[in-house]
Amino acid sequence: MKRDMSQKTKSAEAIRKQKQREREAEKYAAMDIKTVSVQLSSNERKQLDEVRHFHGGYDVNEAIATLIRRAYQNMQEIKANIEPCQFCGETWPNNCEGKFKGRGECFLTHKRRGLAL
């Protein structure tokens, strides 16, 4: 009898969790939120944990989303200050696609490395 009761409890718990997952999936779909899997080394996980705790105890999702937003904001500021290439006249990333790479005046020759993450 005890065994039957524990199976019923597990079954009810499984149904409850399934419904919870379905509600979360609907909520995330409505908000256009997608799950992304990231592979991190043990050192990167430690660094992420330290960043999370230092900045107020964010959970992993909040911390990574915040880091992405900050990197994007930084990129926008850099893009706003990039001058056109002295050789082809284009502004990064709309450039000559490397046709003039190696020439001293070409943006790709001397400034592109500075934009790398």
N, C-alpha and C. Protein backbone atom coordinates (compact mmCIF):
# COMPACT_ATOMS: atom_id res chain seq x y z
N MET A 1 0.82 -1.19 0.00
CA MET A 1 0.00 0.00 0.00
C MET A 1 0.86 1.26 0.00
N LYS A 2 1.92 1.22 0.82
CA LYS A 2 2.82 2.37 0.87
C LYS A 2 3.47 2.61 -0.49
N ARG A 3 3.79 1.53 -1.17
CA ARG A 3 4.41 1.62 -2.48
C ARG A 3 3.48 2.28 -3.50
N ASP A 4 2.20 1.91 -3.48
CA ASP A 4 1.22 2.50 -4.39
C ASP A 4 1.08 4.00 -4.14
N MET A 5 1.10 4.41 -2.88
CA MET A 5 0.96 5.81 -2.52
C MET A 5 2.17 6.60 -3.02
N SER A 6 3.37 6.03 -2.89
CA SER A 6 4.55 6.75 -3.33
C SER A 6 4.58 6.88 -4.86
N GLN A 7 4.08 5.88 -5.58
CA GLN A 7 4.01 5.96 -7.05
C GLN A 7 3.01 7.03 -7.46
N LYS A 8 1.88 7.12 -6.75
CA LYS A 8 0.89 8.14 -7.06
C LYS A 8 1.45 9.53 -6.80
N THR A 9 2.19 9.67 -5.71
CA THR A 9 2.81 10.95 -5.39
C THR A 9 3.82 11.34 -6.46
N LYS A 10 4.65 10.40 -6.87
CA LYS A 10 5.64 10.68 -7.92
C LYS A 10 4.95 11.04 -9.22
N SER A 11 3.88 10.34 -9.52
CA SER A 11 3.14 10.61 -10.73
C SER A 11 2.53 12.01 -10.69
N ALA A 12 1.94 12.37 -9.57
CA ALA A 12 1.37 13.71 -9.42
C ALA A 12 2.46 14.77 -9.50
N GLU A 13 3.60 14.49 -8.90
CA GLU A 13 4.73 15.44 -8.96
C GLU A 13 5.23 15.58 -10.40
N ALA A 14 5.32 14.48 -11.12
CA ALA A 14 5.78 14.52 -12.51
C ALA A 14 4.81 15.32 -13.37
N ILE A 15 3.53 15.15 -13.13
CA ILE A 15 2.51 15.90 -13.89
C ILE A 15 2.62 17.38 -13.57
N ARG A 16 2.78 17.72 -12.29
CA ARG A 16 2.92 19.12 -11.89
C ARG A 16 4.13 19.77 -12.54
N LYS A 17 5.28 19.06 -12.53
CA LYS A 17 6.51 19.60 -13.12
C LYS A 17 6.35 19.76 -14.64
N GLN A 18 5.69 18.81 -15.28
CA GLN A 18 5.47 18.90 -16.73
C GLN A 18 4.63 20.12 -17.07
N LYS A 19 3.59 20.34 -16.29
CA LYS A 19 2.74 21.52 -16.53
C LYS A 19 3.52 22.81 -16.29
N GLN A 20 4.38 22.81 -15.27
CA GLN A 20 5.21 23.98 -15.00
C GLN A 20 6.15 24.24 -16.17
N ARG A 21 6.79 23.20 -16.70
CA ARG A 21 7.68 23.35 -17.86
C ARG A 21 6.91 23.88 -19.08
N GLU A 22 5.70 23.40 -19.26
CA GLU A 22 4.87 23.87 -20.38
C GLU A 22 4.53 25.35 -20.23
N ARG A 23 4.19 25.77 -19.00
CA ARG A 23 3.88 27.19 -18.76
C ARG A 23 5.10 28.06 -19.02
N GLU A 24 6.26 27.61 -18.54
CA GLU A 24 7.50 28.37 -18.76
C GLU A 24 7.82 28.44 -20.25
N ALA A 25 7.64 27.33 -20.97
CA ALA A 25 7.92 27.31 -22.41
C ALA A 25 7.01 28.30 -23.14
N GLU A 26 5.74 28.35 -22.76
CA GLU A 26 4.80 29.29 -23.38
C GLU A 26 5.20 30.73 -23.07
N LYS A 27 5.58 30.98 -21.83
CA LYS A 27 6.00 32.33 -21.42
C LYS A 27 7.23 32.77 -22.22
N TYR A 28 8.23 31.88 -22.29
CA TYR A 28 9.45 32.22 -23.02
C TYR A 28 9.19 32.39 -24.51
N ALA A 29 8.31 31.57 -25.07
CA ALA A 29 7.97 31.70 -26.49
C ALA A 29 7.30 33.05 -26.74
N ALA A 30 6.42 33.47 -25.85
CA ALA A 30 5.73 34.75 -25.99
C ALA A 30 6.71 35.91 -25.91
N MET A 31 7.77 35.74 -25.13
CA MET A 31 8.77 36.79 -24.97
C MET A 31 9.91 36.65 -25.98
N ASP A 32 9.82 35.67 -26.87
CA ASP A 32 10.85 35.38 -27.87
C ASP A 32 12.21 35.10 -27.22
N ILE A 33 12.18 34.33 -26.13
CA ILE A 33 13.40 33.95 -25.43
C ILE A 33 13.80 32.56 -25.88
N LYS A 34 15.05 32.41 -26.29
CA LYS A 34 15.58 31.13 -26.74
C LYS A 34 16.66 30.67 -25.78
N THR A 35 16.78 29.37 -25.61
CA THR A 35 17.82 28.79 -24.77
C THR A 35 19.07 28.58 -25.61
N VAL A 36 20.21 28.99 -25.07
CA VAL A 36 21.50 28.84 -25.74
C VAL A 36 22.41 28.05 -24.82
N SER A 37 23.07 27.08 -25.37
CA SER A 37 24.00 26.27 -24.59
C SER A 37 25.41 26.81 -24.80
N VAL A 38 26.15 26.96 -23.72
CA VAL A 38 27.51 27.49 -23.81
C VAL A 38 28.47 26.53 -23.13
N GLN A 39 29.57 26.26 -23.78
CA GLN A 39 30.59 25.40 -23.18
C GLN A 39 31.64 26.28 -22.53
N LEU A 40 31.85 26.08 -21.23
CA LEU A 40 32.82 26.87 -20.49
C LEU A 40 33.80 25.94 -19.79
N SER A 41 35.06 26.37 -19.77
CA SER A 41 36.07 25.62 -19.03
C SER A 41 35.82 25.82 -17.53
N SER A 42 36.49 25.04 -16.72
CA SER A 42 36.32 25.20 -15.27
C SER A 42 36.78 26.59 -14.83
N ASN A 43 37.83 27.11 -15.45
CA ASN A 43 38.31 28.45 -15.12
C ASN A 43 37.27 29.51 -15.50
N GLU A 44 36.65 29.36 -16.66
CA GLU A 44 35.62 30.31 -17.08
C GLU A 44 34.39 30.23 -16.18
N ARG A 45 34.03 29.04 -15.74
CA ARG A 45 32.90 28.90 -14.80
C ARG A 45 33.21 29.59 -13.48
N LYS A 46 34.44 29.44 -13.00
CA LYS A 46 34.84 30.12 -11.75
C LYS A 46 34.78 31.64 -11.93
N GLN A 47 35.27 32.11 -13.08
CA GLN A 47 35.24 33.54 -13.35
C GLN A 47 33.80 34.05 -13.43
N LEU A 48 32.94 33.30 -14.10
CA LEU A 48 31.54 33.68 -14.20
C LEU A 48 30.90 33.72 -12.81
N ASP A 49 31.18 32.73 -11.99
CA ASP A 49 30.64 32.72 -10.62
C ASP A 49 31.11 33.93 -9.83
N GLU A 50 32.39 34.28 -9.99
CA GLU A 50 32.92 35.45 -9.28
C GLU A 50 32.25 36.72 -9.77
N VAL A 51 32.07 36.86 -11.08
CA VAL A 51 31.38 38.03 -11.64
C VAL A 51 29.95 38.10 -11.11
N ARG A 52 29.26 36.96 -11.11
CA ARG A 52 27.88 36.91 -10.63
C ARG A 52 27.77 37.40 -9.19
N HIS A 53 28.62 36.87 -8.33
CA HIS A 53 28.55 37.21 -6.91
C HIS A 53 29.03 38.63 -6.64
N PHE A 54 30.04 39.07 -7.36
CA PHE A 54 30.56 40.42 -7.17
C PHE A 54 29.51 41.48 -7.50
N HIS A 55 28.73 41.21 -8.55
CA HIS A 55 27.74 42.19 -9.00
C HIS A 55 26.36 41.98 -8.41
N GLY A 56 26.27 41.31 -7.28
CA GLY A 56 24.99 41.25 -6.58
C GLY A 56 24.27 39.93 -6.63
N GLY A 57 24.93 38.87 -7.02
CA GLY A 57 24.31 37.56 -6.97
C GLY A 57 23.38 37.23 -8.11
N TYR A 58 23.67 37.73 -9.29
CA TYR A 58 22.87 37.37 -10.46
C TYR A 58 22.88 35.85 -10.65
N ASP A 59 21.79 35.31 -11.24
CA ASP A 59 21.87 33.91 -11.63
C ASP A 59 22.63 33.86 -12.96
N VAL A 60 22.96 32.69 -13.43
CA VAL A 60 23.80 32.55 -14.63
C VAL A 60 23.16 33.23 -15.84
N ASN A 61 21.86 33.03 -16.03
CA ASN A 61 21.19 33.64 -17.19
C ASN A 61 21.26 35.16 -17.14
N GLU A 62 20.99 35.73 -15.97
CA GLU A 62 21.03 37.19 -15.83
C GLU A 62 22.44 37.72 -16.07
N ALA A 63 23.44 37.03 -15.53
CA ALA A 63 24.82 37.49 -15.66
C ALA A 63 25.26 37.48 -17.12
N ILE A 64 24.99 36.38 -17.82
CA ILE A 64 25.41 36.29 -19.22
C ILE A 64 24.65 37.30 -20.08
N ALA A 65 23.35 37.45 -19.85
CA ALA A 65 22.57 38.44 -20.61
C ALA A 65 23.10 39.85 -20.35
N THR A 66 23.44 40.16 -19.10
CA THR A 66 23.98 41.48 -18.78
C THR A 66 25.33 41.70 -19.45
N LEU A 67 26.20 40.69 -19.43
CA LEU A 67 27.50 40.81 -20.10
C LEU A 67 27.33 41.04 -21.60
N ILE A 68 26.36 40.37 -22.21
CA ILE A 68 26.09 40.57 -23.64
C ILE A 68 25.62 41.99 -23.90
N ARG A 69 24.68 42.47 -23.08
CA ARG A 69 24.18 43.84 -23.27
C ARG A 69 25.30 44.87 -23.12
N ARG A 70 26.19 44.65 -22.12
CA ARG A 70 27.31 45.59 -21.92
C ARG A 70 28.29 45.54 -23.10
N ALA A 71 28.57 44.35 -23.60
CA ALA A 71 29.46 44.23 -24.75
C ALA A 71 28.84 44.90 -25.98
N TYR A 72 27.54 44.76 -26.14
CA TYR A 72 26.84 45.37 -27.27
C TYR A 72 26.89 46.90 -27.16
N GLN A 73 26.64 47.40 -25.95
CA GLN A 73 26.70 48.85 -25.74
C GLN A 73 28.11 49.38 -26.03
N ASN A 74 29.12 48.66 -25.57
CA ASN A 74 30.50 49.05 -25.82
C ASN A 74 30.79 49.05 -27.32
N MET A 75 30.30 48.04 -28.03
CA MET A 75 30.49 47.96 -29.47
C MET A 75 29.83 49.15 -30.18
N GLN A 76 28.62 49.54 -29.73
CA GLN A 76 27.94 50.68 -30.34
C GLN A 76 28.75 51.97 -30.15
N GLU A 77 29.34 52.13 -28.97
CA GLU A 77 30.16 53.32 -28.72
C GLU A 77 31.40 53.32 -29.61
N ILE A 78 32.03 52.17 -29.76
CA ILE A 78 33.21 52.07 -30.63
C ILE A 78 32.83 52.36 -32.08
N LYS A 79 31.73 51.76 -32.53
CA LYS A 79 31.28 51.97 -33.92
C LYS A 79 31.02 53.44 -34.21
N ALA A 80 30.47 54.16 -33.22
CA ALA A 80 30.15 55.57 -33.41
C ALA A 80 31.40 56.41 -33.60
N ASN A 81 32.54 55.91 -33.13
CA ASN A 81 33.78 56.68 -33.21
C ASN A 81 34.76 56.18 -34.27
N ILE A 82 34.38 55.19 -35.05
CA ILE A 82 35.26 54.68 -36.10
C ILE A 82 35.21 55.61 -37.30
N GLU A 83 36.36 56.03 -37.73
CA GLU A 83 36.44 56.89 -38.91
C GLU A 83 36.52 56.02 -40.15
N PRO A 84 36.11 56.55 -41.30
CA PRO A 84 36.18 55.78 -42.54
C PRO A 84 37.62 55.40 -42.88
N CYS A 85 37.76 54.30 -43.59
CA CYS A 85 39.08 53.86 -44.06
C CYS A 85 39.66 54.95 -44.95
N GLN A 86 40.93 55.25 -44.74
CA GLN A 86 41.58 56.29 -45.53
C GLN A 86 41.81 55.84 -46.98
N PHE A 87 41.72 54.55 -47.22
CA PHE A 87 41.99 54.04 -48.56
C PHE A 87 40.72 53.86 -49.38
N CYS A 88 39.74 53.12 -48.85
CA CYS A 88 38.53 52.86 -49.65
C CYS A 88 37.37 53.78 -49.29
N GLY A 89 37.49 54.49 -48.16
CA GLY A 89 36.44 55.43 -47.75
C GLY A 89 35.27 54.80 -47.03
N GLU A 90 35.27 53.49 -46.88
CA GLU A 90 34.18 52.79 -46.20
C GLU A 90 34.41 52.79 -44.69
N THR A 91 33.31 52.65 -43.95
CA THR A 91 33.38 52.56 -42.49
C THR A 91 33.19 51.11 -42.08
N TRP A 92 34.00 50.65 -41.15
CA TRP A 92 33.91 49.28 -40.66
C TRP A 92 32.50 49.03 -40.12
N PRO A 93 31.87 47.93 -40.37
CA PRO A 93 32.37 46.74 -41.04
C PRO A 93 32.13 46.73 -42.55
N ASN A 94 31.54 47.78 -43.11
CA ASN A 94 31.32 47.86 -44.56
C ASN A 94 32.60 48.33 -45.21
N ASN A 95 33.46 47.39 -45.55
CA ASN A 95 34.76 47.78 -46.07
C ASN A 95 35.04 47.10 -47.41
N CYS A 96 36.24 47.14 -47.83
CA CYS A 96 36.66 46.61 -49.12
C CYS A 96 36.80 45.09 -49.12
N GLU A 97 36.43 44.45 -48.03
CA GLU A 97 36.53 43.00 -47.87
C GLU A 97 37.95 42.49 -48.05
N GLY A 98 38.90 43.31 -47.66
CA GLY A 98 40.29 42.89 -47.66
C GLY A 98 41.05 43.09 -48.95
N LYS A 99 40.45 43.71 -49.94
CA LYS A 99 41.15 43.92 -51.22
C LYS A 99 42.41 44.74 -51.04
N PHE A 100 42.39 45.65 -50.10
CA PHE A 100 43.53 46.55 -49.90
C PHE A 100 44.28 46.27 -48.60
N LYS A 101 43.97 45.13 -47.97
CA LYS A 101 44.62 44.78 -46.72
C LYS A 101 46.13 44.69 -46.94
N GLY A 102 46.86 45.27 -46.02
CA GLY A 102 48.31 45.31 -46.14
C GLY A 102 48.82 46.69 -46.51
N ARG A 103 47.98 47.48 -47.14
CA ARG A 103 48.36 48.86 -47.45
C ARG A 103 48.24 49.69 -46.19
N GLY A 104 49.15 50.60 -46.01
CA GLY A 104 49.21 51.40 -44.80
C GLY A 104 47.96 52.21 -44.52
N GLU A 105 47.27 52.63 -45.55
CA GLU A 105 46.09 53.47 -45.37
C GLU A 105 44.84 52.66 -45.08
N CYS A 106 44.88 51.35 -45.30
CA CYS A 106 43.71 50.50 -45.18
C CYS A 106 43.37 50.24 -43.70
N PHE A 107 42.11 50.41 -43.38
CA PHE A 107 41.63 50.18 -42.02
C PHE A 107 41.98 48.78 -41.54
N LEU A 108 41.82 47.79 -42.42
CA LEU A 108 42.07 46.40 -42.03
C LEU A 108 43.53 46.16 -41.65
N THR A 109 44.42 46.96 -42.18
CA THR A 109 45.84 46.77 -41.90
C THR A 109 46.20 47.16 -40.47
N HIS A 110 45.66 48.25 -39.99
CA HIS A 110 46.15 48.76 -38.71
C HIS A 110 45.13 48.90 -37.58
N LYS A 111 43.83 48.81 -37.85
CA LYS A 111 42.88 49.03 -36.77
C LYS A 111 41.97 47.83 -36.47
N ARG A 112 41.85 46.93 -37.38
CA ARG A 112 40.90 45.83 -37.19
C ARG A 112 41.24 44.97 -35.97
N ARG A 113 42.51 44.72 -35.75
CA ARG A 113 42.89 43.89 -34.58
C ARG A 113 42.44 44.51 -33.27
N GLY A 114 42.43 45.82 -33.20
CA GLY A 114 42.00 46.50 -31.99
C GLY A 114 40.54 46.29 -31.68
N LEU A 115 39.74 45.87 -32.66
CA LEU A 115 38.31 45.65 -32.45
C LEU A 115 38.00 44.21 -32.04
N ALA A 116 38.98 43.34 -32.10
CA ALA A 116 38.74 41.93 -31.75
C ALA A 116 38.37 41.81 -30.28
N LEU A 117 37.52 40.84 -29.98
CA LEU A 117 37.16 40.61 -28.58
C LEU A 117 38.36 40.13 -27.88
